[in-house]
N, C-alpha and C. Protein backbone atom coordinates (compact mmCIF):
# COMPACT_ATOMS: atom_id res chain seq x y z
N MET A 1 0.82 -0.75 -0.24
CA MET A 1 -0.16 -0.29 0.21
C MET A 1 1.07 1.31 -0.19
N SER A 2 0.52 2.39 -1.00
CA SER A 2 1.57 3.19 -1.29
C SER A 2 1.21 4.45 0.54
N PHE A 3 2.20 4.80 0.27
CA PHE A 3 2.26 6.14 1.71
C PHE A 3 1.06 7.14 1.49
N GLY A 4 0.62 7.63 -0.12
CA GLY A 4 -0.38 8.21 -0.04
C GLY A 4 -1.43 7.81 -0.23
N LEU A 5 -1.90 6.93 -0.05
CA LEU A 5 -3.44 6.16 0.39
C LEU A 5 -3.13 5.98 2.01
N TYR A 6 -2.25 5.38 2.28
CA TYR A 6 -2.38 5.47 3.81
C TYR A 6 -2.60 6.72 4.46
N PHE A 7 -1.97 7.61 4.18
CA PHE A 7 -2.03 9.42 4.58
C PHE A 7 -3.34 9.49 4.38
N ALA A 8 -4.31 9.34 3.55
CA ALA A 8 -5.11 10.06 2.66
C ALA A 8 -6.19 9.26 3.44
N GLY A 9 -5.97 8.08 3.80
CA GLY A 9 -7.36 7.00 5.17
C GLY A 9 -7.04 7.94 6.02
N PHE A 10 -6.06 8.02 6.80
CA PHE A 10 -5.67 8.60 7.93
C PHE A 10 -5.99 10.09 8.39
N ALA A 11 -6.12 11.15 7.15
CA ALA A 11 -6.48 12.47 7.00
C ALA A 11 -8.33 12.19 7.31
N ILE A 12 -9.13 11.42 6.56
CA ILE A 12 -10.24 11.50 6.66
C ILE A 12 -10.45 11.08 8.09
N VAL A 13 -10.00 10.18 8.62
CA VAL A 13 -10.24 9.63 10.43
C VAL A 13 -10.02 11.16 10.98
N ILE A 14 -8.86 11.43 10.87
CA ILE A 14 -8.53 12.60 11.49
C ILE A 14 -9.75 13.97 11.45
N GLY A 15 -10.04 14.09 10.42
CA GLY A 15 -11.20 15.04 10.48
C GLY A 15 -12.89 14.48 11.08
N GLY A 16 -12.38 13.72 10.60
CA GLY A 16 -14.11 13.15 10.96
C GLY A 16 -14.09 13.33 12.83
N LEU A 17 -12.61 12.88 13.33
CA LEU A 17 -12.53 12.78 15.02
C LEU A 17 -12.39 14.91 14.70
N ILE A 18 -12.43 15.42 13.82
CA ILE A 18 -12.20 16.85 14.90
C ILE A 18 -13.83 17.68 13.95
N TYR A 19 -14.46 17.06 13.22
CA TYR A 19 -15.55 17.38 13.16
C TYR A 19 -16.56 16.72 14.55
N ALA A 20 -16.31 15.79 14.99
CA ALA A 20 -16.99 15.29 16.16
C ALA A 20 -16.74 16.26 17.47
N ALA A 21 -15.37 16.40 17.34
CA ALA A 21 -15.06 17.59 18.74
C ALA A 21 -15.64 18.50 18.36
N VAL A 22 -15.82 19.41 17.25
CA VAL A 22 -16.43 20.44 17.29
C VAL A 22 -17.93 20.30 17.85
N LEU A 23 -18.96 19.49 17.29
CA LEU A 23 -19.74 18.93 17.42
C LEU A 23 -20.41 19.33 19.01
N LEU A 24 -19.16 18.30 19.45
CA LEU A 24 -19.22 17.99 20.94
C LEU A 24 -18.56 19.57 22.00
N HIS A 25 -18.73 20.86 21.48
CA HIS A 25 -17.99 22.02 21.85
C HIS A 25 -16.89 21.79 23.06
N VAL A 26 -15.64 20.73 22.22
CA VAL A 26 -14.28 20.83 22.80
C VAL A 26 -13.59 22.17 22.88
N PRO A 27 -12.83 23.07 23.47
CA PRO A 27 -12.28 23.77 23.37
C PRO A 27 -10.84 23.87 22.25
N THR A 28 -11.35 24.93 21.10
CA THR A 28 -9.93 25.02 20.09
C THR A 28 -8.88 24.14 20.19
N GLN A 29 -8.37 24.83 21.02
CA GLN A 29 -6.71 24.42 21.47
C GLN A 29 -6.63 22.72 21.86
N TRP A 30 -7.48 22.40 22.15
CA TRP A 30 -7.45 20.44 22.42
C TRP A 30 -7.89 19.81 21.24
N ILE A 31 -8.46 20.60 20.42
CA ILE A 31 -9.09 19.88 18.67
C ILE A 31 -7.59 20.42 18.14
N VAL A 32 -6.83 21.38 17.85
CA VAL A 32 -5.55 21.40 17.91
C VAL A 32 -4.51 20.19 18.01
N VAL A 33 -4.38 20.22 19.65
CA VAL A 33 -3.36 19.85 20.51
C VAL A 33 -3.16 18.39 19.82
N GLY A 34 -4.71 17.74 19.51
CA GLY A 34 -5.43 16.23 19.43
C GLY A 34 -4.53 15.93 17.54
N SER A 35 -5.22 16.80 17.06
CA SER A 35 -4.70 17.00 15.35
C SER A 35 -3.11 17.10 15.05
N ILE A 36 -2.78 17.49 15.86
CA ILE A 36 -0.87 17.48 15.59
C ILE A 36 -0.52 15.68 16.13
N VAL A 37 -1.12 15.74 17.27
CA VAL A 37 -0.66 14.28 18.01
C VAL A 37 -1.09 13.07 17.30
N LEU A 38 -2.17 13.31 16.53
CA LEU A 38 -2.84 12.41 15.43
C LEU A 38 -1.83 12.14 14.17
N LEU A 39 -1.84 13.42 13.54
CA LEU A 39 -0.65 13.29 12.63
C LEU A 39 1.04 12.80 12.30
N GLY A 40 1.35 13.30 13.78
CA GLY A 40 2.19 12.57 13.88
C GLY A 40 2.27 10.86 13.69
N LEU A 41 1.35 10.24 14.84
CA LEU A 41 0.60 9.02 14.90
C LEU A 41 0.74 8.38 13.42
N ALA A 42 -0.06 9.32 12.60
CA ALA A 42 -0.31 9.35 11.03
C ALA A 42 0.88 8.61 10.32
N ILE A 43 2.37 9.76 10.27
CA ILE A 43 3.13 9.89 9.73
C ILE A 43 4.40 9.07 9.96
N LEU A 44 4.28 8.44 11.89
CA LEU A 44 5.02 7.37 12.17
C LEU A 44 4.26 5.73 11.58
N THR A 45 3.13 5.54 11.50
CA THR A 45 2.10 4.33 11.36
C THR A 45 2.66 3.97 9.61
N GLY A 46 2.74 5.56 9.24
CA GLY A 46 2.62 5.27 7.70
C GLY A 46 3.96 5.06 7.28
N VAL A 47 4.91 5.52 7.35
CA VAL A 47 6.44 4.83 7.40
C VAL A 47 6.28 3.54 7.26
N LYS A 48 5.98 2.97 8.97
CA LYS A 48 6.35 1.95 9.45
C LYS A 48 5.64 0.77 8.38
N ALA A 49 4.73 1.26 7.86
CA ALA A 49 3.81 0.10 7.45
C ALA A 49 4.17 0.60 5.65
N THR A 50 4.67 1.18 5.17
CA THR A 50 4.95 1.20 3.75
C THR A 50 6.39 1.13 3.36
N ARG A 51 7.48 0.84 4.45
CA ARG A 51 9.03 1.28 3.65
C ARG A 51 9.11 0.34 3.35
N GLN A 52 9.84 0.07 2.70
CA GLN A 52 10.67 -0.87 1.87
C GLN A 52 11.98 -1.41 2.94
N LYS A 53 11.84 -2.97 3.37
CA LYS A 53 12.86 -3.80 3.90
C LYS A 53 13.89 -3.99 3.16
N ASP A 54 15.41 -3.51 3.84
CA ASP A 54 16.53 -4.14 3.17
C ASP A 54 16.56 -5.10 2.81
N GLN A 55 17.50 -5.09 1.68
CA GLN A 55 18.06 -6.52 1.44
C GLN A 55 19.43 -6.97 2.39
N SER A 56 19.62 -7.14 2.65
CA SER A 56 21.02 -8.12 3.07
C SER A 56 21.62 -8.85 2.39
N SER A 57 22.87 -8.54 2.00
CA SER A 57 23.63 -9.59 1.17
C SER A 57 25.11 -9.83 1.23
């Protein structure tokens, strides 16, 4: 699976969580903090899931 596709899926999830947080009247600073944490998690897991294994010779 390509990193772009993985990241797009995670962006949709983050967007849905942001929308839910706005509907629940969560303070804006906490929405931003949560979004940044989830974005970092998305990058870490995306790179881990899509990286190529090194060929040892």
